[in-house]
C-alpha atoms as a PDB file:
ATOM      1  CA  MET A   1     -23.401 -36.149 -34.738  1.00  0.00           C
ATOM      2  CA  VAL A   2     -25.002 -33.969 -32.058  1.00  0.00           C
ATOM      3  CA  LYS A   3     -22.685 -35.449 -29.453  1.00  0.00           C
ATOM      4  CA  ARG A   4     -19.649 -34.597 -31.574  1.00  0.00           C
ATOM      5  CA  ALA A   5     -20.884 -31.008 -32.036  1.00  0.00           C
ATOM      6  CA  ARG A   6     -21.328 -30.620 -28.280  1.00  0.00           C
ATOM      7  CA  ILE A   7     -17.813 -31.908 -27.641  1.00  0.00           C
ATOM      8  CA  CYS A   8     -16.346 -29.543 -30.241  1.00  0.00           C
ATOM      9  CA  CYS A   9     -18.326 -26.658 -28.777  1.00  0.00           C
ATOM     10  CA  PHE A  10     -17.139 -27.515 -25.269  1.00  0.00           C
ATOM     11  CA  ILE A  11     -13.498 -27.815 -26.351  1.00  0.00           C
ATOM     12  CA  SER A  12     -13.560 -24.520 -28.242  1.00  0.00           C
ATOM     13  CA  ALA A  13     -15.251 -22.767 -25.287  1.00  0.00           C
ATOM     14  CA  ALA A  14     -12.605 -24.180 -22.933  1.00  0.00           C
ATOM     15  CA  LEU A  15      -9.814 -22.966 -25.234  1.00  0.00           C
ATOM     16  CA  LEU A  16     -11.327 -19.481 -25.448  1.00  0.00           C
ATOM     17  CA  LEU A  17     -11.675 -19.234 -21.689  1.00  0.00           C
ATOM     18  CA  ALA A  18      -8.120 -20.466 -21.152  1.00  0.00           C
ATOM     19  CA  ALA A  19      -6.809 -17.839 -23.568  1.00  0.00           C
ATOM     20  CA  CYS A  20      -8.550 -15.025 -21.653  1.00  0.00           C
ATOM     21  CA  THR A  21      -7.010 -15.700 -18.257  1.00  0.00           C
ATOM     22  CA  PRO A  22      -5.509 -12.545 -16.737  1.00  0.00           C
ATOM     23  CA  THR A  23      -1.820 -12.482 -15.900  1.00  0.00           C
ATOM     24  CA  VAL A  24      -0.257 -10.488 -13.073  1.00  0.00           C
ATOM     25  CA  LYS A  25       3.431  -9.671 -13.118  1.00  0.00           C
ATOM     26  CA  VAL A  26       5.203  -8.664  -9.923  1.00  0.00           C
ATOM     27  CA  GLU A  27       8.532  -6.955 -10.459  1.00  0.00           C
ATOM     28  CA  ALA A  28      10.954  -5.289  -8.091  1.00  0.00           C
ATOM     29  CA  PRO A  29      11.263  -1.517  -8.565  1.00  0.00           C
ATOM     30  CA  ASP A  30      14.397  -0.093 -10.182  1.00  0.00           C
ATOM     31  CA  LYS A  31      14.977   2.424  -7.389  1.00  0.00           C
ATOM     32  CA  PRO A  32      14.800   1.592  -3.667  1.00  0.00           C
ATOM     33  CA  ILE A  33      11.677   2.602  -1.806  1.00  0.00           C
ATOM     34  CA  GLU A  34      12.344   5.686   0.313  1.00  0.00           C
ATOM     35  CA  ILE A  35      10.220   6.464   3.356  1.00  0.00           C
ATOM     36  CA  ASN A  36      10.684   9.917   4.839  1.00  0.00           C
ATOM     37  CA  MET A  37       9.862   9.845   8.553  1.00  0.00           C
ATOM     38  CA  ASN A  38      11.514  13.135   9.544  1.00  0.00           C
ATOM     39  CA  ILE A  39       8.177  14.950   9.667  1.00  0.00           C
ATOM     40  CA  ASN A  40       6.730  12.764  12.397  1.00  0.00           C
ATOM     41  CA  ILE A  41       9.858  12.902  14.538  1.00  0.00           C
ATOM     42  CA  ARG A  42      10.115  16.684  14.242  1.00  0.00           C
ATOM     43  CA  HIS A  43       6.455  17.081  15.150  1.00  0.00           C
ATOM     44  CA  GLU A  44       6.901  14.908  18.241  1.00  0.00           C
ATOM     45  CA  ILE A  45       9.897  16.964  19.373  1.00  0.00           C
ATOM     46  CA  LEU A  46       7.988  20.223  18.913  1.00  0.00           C
ATOM     47  CA  VAL A  47       5.076  18.926  20.972  1.00  0.00           C
ATOM     48  CA  LYS A  48       7.411  17.865  23.785  1.00  0.00           C
ATOM     49  CA  VAL A  49       9.177  21.253  23.771  1.00  0.00           C
ATOM     50  CA  GLU A  50       5.854  23.098  23.801  1.00  0.00           C
ATOM     51  CA  ARG A  51       4.684  21.078  26.802  1.00  0.00           C
ATOM     52  CA  ALA A  52       7.942  21.769  28.631  1.00  0.00           C
ATOM     53  CA  VAL A  53       7.641  25.505  27.934  1.00  0.00           C
ATOM     54  CA  GLU A  54       4.014  25.539  29.125  1.00  0.00           C
ATOM     55  CA  GLU A  55       5.063  23.808  32.344  1.00  0.00           C
ATOM     56  CA  MET A  56       7.815  26.392  32.847  1.00  0.00           C
ATOM     57  CA  PHE A  57       5.363  29.284  32.451  1.00  0.00           C
ATOM     58  CA  GLU A  58       2.841  27.649  34.774  1.00  0.00           C
ATOM     59  CA  SER A  59       5.366  27.344  37.577  1.00  0.00           C
ATOM     60  CA  GLU A  60       5.657  30.447  39.736  1.00  0.00           C
ATOM     61  CA  GLU A  61       9.398  30.079  40.309  1.00  0.00           C
ATOM     62  CA  ILE A  62      10.370  31.800  37.043  1.00  0.00           C
ATOM     63  CA  PHE A  63       8.727  35.136  37.761  1.00  0.00           C
END
């Protein structure tokens, strides 16, 4: 009788644990993912222009 109670207890515990398993759903988004990289490119251009202007002012040929 005790053995049967242990088996029933084990089976019910296994069923409860199986029912509580988390589920993860991975779905594709409705809209495409948009990455805006214009900021980085613009910043790089500004830095290059600033360096070129600094080099022009440092040279004595302009004035």
